[in-house]
C-alpha cells in the first residue's frame, strides 16, 4: 500500500518513487541545496543519485531547494513497514508519544488494519493467536 505524499513532495515521489524519495528525505531533510541546471555529473547526483538530481534539476534547476522533513508522511510509511513506535520515533526524530499521536491522527482504517495484520502474524499457521 502506498501512502499518499503531501502536496509539496508529491512531484518528487511521482518522479522517483516512494522508496527513493523517502531515502532522499531521510538523508537531506532540512538542508538547503543548490540545485544545478544540469544534473549530469553534478555534486547533487554524486550525493543522492541521478534520479533525484534530475528530478530536482527539472523542478528547481538554478535555484535553492529546502528539503522538507515530511515527518507525518515518513511516520506513516514507517508504520506500514512494521516498525515499532520506538523505532518510528527514533527514525523520525520525535518522541514515542509524538509518533503515536501522528499515527492516530493520520492513519486511514486500511493503514491501521495492515499494521495490525503485520503485528499479529505468527510462525505456526495452526496456532491461534492469544490476543
Protein backbone atom coordinates (compact mmCIF):
# COMPACT_ATOMS: atom_id res chain seq x y z
CA UNK A 1 0.00 0.00 0.00
CA UNK A 2 1.40 3.39 -0.95
CA UNK A 3 0.89 6.36 1.33
CA UNK A 4 -0.22 9.50 -0.47
CA UNK A 5 2.60 12.03 -0.09
CA UNK A 6 1.93 15.62 0.91
CA UNK A 7 1.49 18.05 -1.96
CA UNK A 8 4.92 19.65 -1.53
CA UNK A 9 6.74 16.37 -2.27
CA UNK A 10 4.18 14.58 -4.45
CA UNK A 11 6.04 15.63 -7.60
CA UNK A 12 9.25 14.02 -6.28
CA UNK A 13 7.54 10.77 -5.25
CA UNK A 14 5.88 10.60 -8.66
CA UNK A 15 9.23 11.09 -10.42
CA UNK A 16 11.50 8.76 -8.42
CA UNK A 17 9.13 6.52 -6.45
CA UNK A 18 8.28 6.33 -2.77
CA UNK A 19 11.39 4.42 -1.65
CA UNK A 20 13.89 6.73 -3.35
CA UNK A 21 12.06 9.85 -2.19
CA UNK A 22 11.93 8.53 1.38
CA UNK A 23 15.64 7.74 1.37
CA UNK A 24 16.50 11.19 -0.01
CA UNK A 25 14.32 12.99 2.53
CA UNK A 26 15.75 10.93 5.39
CA UNK A 27 19.27 11.93 4.33
CA UNK A 28 18.68 15.56 3.45
CA UNK A 29 15.66 16.84 5.42
CA UNK A 30 16.13 20.43 6.48
CA UNK A 31 19.09 21.12 4.19
CA UNK A 32 19.11 23.91 1.66
CA UNK A 33 20.56 22.57 -1.57
CA UNK A 34 21.90 24.49 -4.54
CA UNK A 35 20.28 22.74 -7.47
CA UNK A 36 22.24 22.80 -10.71
CA UNK A 37 20.51 23.42 -14.03
CA UNK A 38 22.09 20.24 -15.40
CA UNK A 39 22.11 17.18 -13.16
CA UNK A 40 24.59 15.06 -15.10
CA UNK A 41 27.92 14.86 -13.31
CA UNK A 42 26.81 17.26 -10.58
CA UNK A 43 27.66 17.02 -6.90
CA UNK A 44 23.96 16.57 -6.24
CA UNK A 45 23.97 13.47 -8.47
CA UNK A 46 27.01 12.04 -6.73
CA UNK A 47 25.43 12.56 -3.30
CA UNK A 48 21.84 11.48 -3.93
CA UNK A 49 21.84 9.65 -7.26
CA UNK A 50 20.99 10.55 -10.82
CA UNK A 51 17.21 10.16 -10.49
CA UNK A 52 16.95 12.56 -7.54
CA UNK A 53 19.35 15.04 -9.15
CA UNK A 54 17.44 15.00 -12.44
CA UNK A 55 14.08 15.47 -10.71
CA UNK A 56 15.39 18.38 -8.64
CA UNK A 57 17.13 19.97 -11.65
CA UNK A 58 13.95 19.76 -13.72
CA UNK A 59 11.87 21.30 -10.93
CA UNK A 60 14.30 23.77 -9.32
CA UNK A 61 17.34 23.98 -11.61
CA UNK A 62 19.47 27.05 -10.90
CA UNK A 63 17.74 27.76 -7.59
CA UNK A 64 17.91 26.72 -3.97
CA UNK A 65 15.71 23.96 -2.59
CA UNK A 66 14.98 23.37 1.08
CA UNK A 67 14.36 19.67 1.57
CA UNK A 68 11.20 19.21 3.66
CA UNK A 69 11.13 16.80 6.58
CA UNK A 70 7.73 15.35 5.56
CA UNK A 71 7.58 13.93 9.08
CA UNK A 72 3.96 12.79 9.13
CA UNK A 73 4.31 11.04 5.77
CA UNK A 74 7.52 9.33 6.87
CA UNK A 75 5.93 8.17 10.13
CA UNK A 76 3.02 6.61 8.28
CA UNK A 77 5.40 4.81 5.93
CA UNK A 78 7.48 3.55 8.85
CA UNK A 79 4.32 2.19 10.47
CA UNK A 80 3.41 0.28 7.32
CA UNK A 81 6.96 -1.07 7.18
CA UNK A 82 6.18 -2.72 10.52
CA UNK A 83 8.48 -0.63 12.71
CA UNK A 84 7.62 -0.33 16.40
CA UNK A 85 6.60 3.04 17.84
CA UNK A 86 10.05 3.34 19.43
CA UNK A 87 11.75 2.68 16.09
CA UNK A 88 9.43 5.11 14.32
CA UNK A 89 10.08 7.81 16.89
CA UNK A 90 13.84 7.36 16.66
CA UNK A 91 13.90 7.41 12.86
CA UNK A 92 11.59 10.41 12.59
CA UNK A 93 13.21 12.38 15.40
CA UNK A 94 10.10 12.61 17.56
CA UNK A 95 9.07 11.22 20.93
CA UNK A 96 7.23 7.93 21.21
CA UNK A 97 4.04 9.74 22.24
CA UNK A 98 4.50 12.15 19.34
CA UNK A 99 4.71 9.25 16.90
CA UNK A 100 1.59 7.65 18.40
CA UNK A 101 -0.34 10.91 18.12
CA UNK A 102 0.66 11.39 14.49
CA UNK A 103 -0.31 7.81 13.67
CA UNK A 104 -3.65 8.09 15.45
CA UNK A 105 -4.43 11.32 13.62
CA UNK A 106 -3.18 10.39 10.17
CA UNK A 107 -3.70 6.69 9.56
CA UNK A 108 -6.60 5.52 7.49
CA UNK A 109 -8.59 2.46 8.50
CA UNK A 110 -6.79 0.34 5.89
CA UNK A 111 -3.37 1.51 7.16
CA UNK A 112 -4.30 0.52 10.72
CA UNK A 113 -5.59 -2.86 9.55
CA UNK A 114 -2.40 -3.53 7.57
CA UNK A 115 -0.22 -2.62 10.54
CA UNK A 116 -2.23 -4.80 12.93
CA UNK A 117 -2.11 -7.72 10.50
CA UNK A 118 1.69 -7.46 10.30
CA UNK A 119 2.00 -7.39 14.08
CA UNK A 120 -0.32 -10.37 14.55
CA UNK A 121 1.48 -12.72 12.18
CA UNK A 122 2.83 -15.77 13.86
CA UNK A 123 5.09 -18.54 12.65
CA UNK A 124 2.74 -21.51 13.07
CA UNK A 125 -0.39 -21.24 10.88
CA UNK A 126 -2.12 -23.93 13.00
CA UNK A 127 -1.60 -21.93 16.20
CA UNK A 128 -4.34 -19.47 17.12
CA UNK A 129 -3.19 -16.07 18.34
CA UNK A 130 -3.55 -15.45 22.07
CA UNK A 131 -4.72 -11.86 21.69
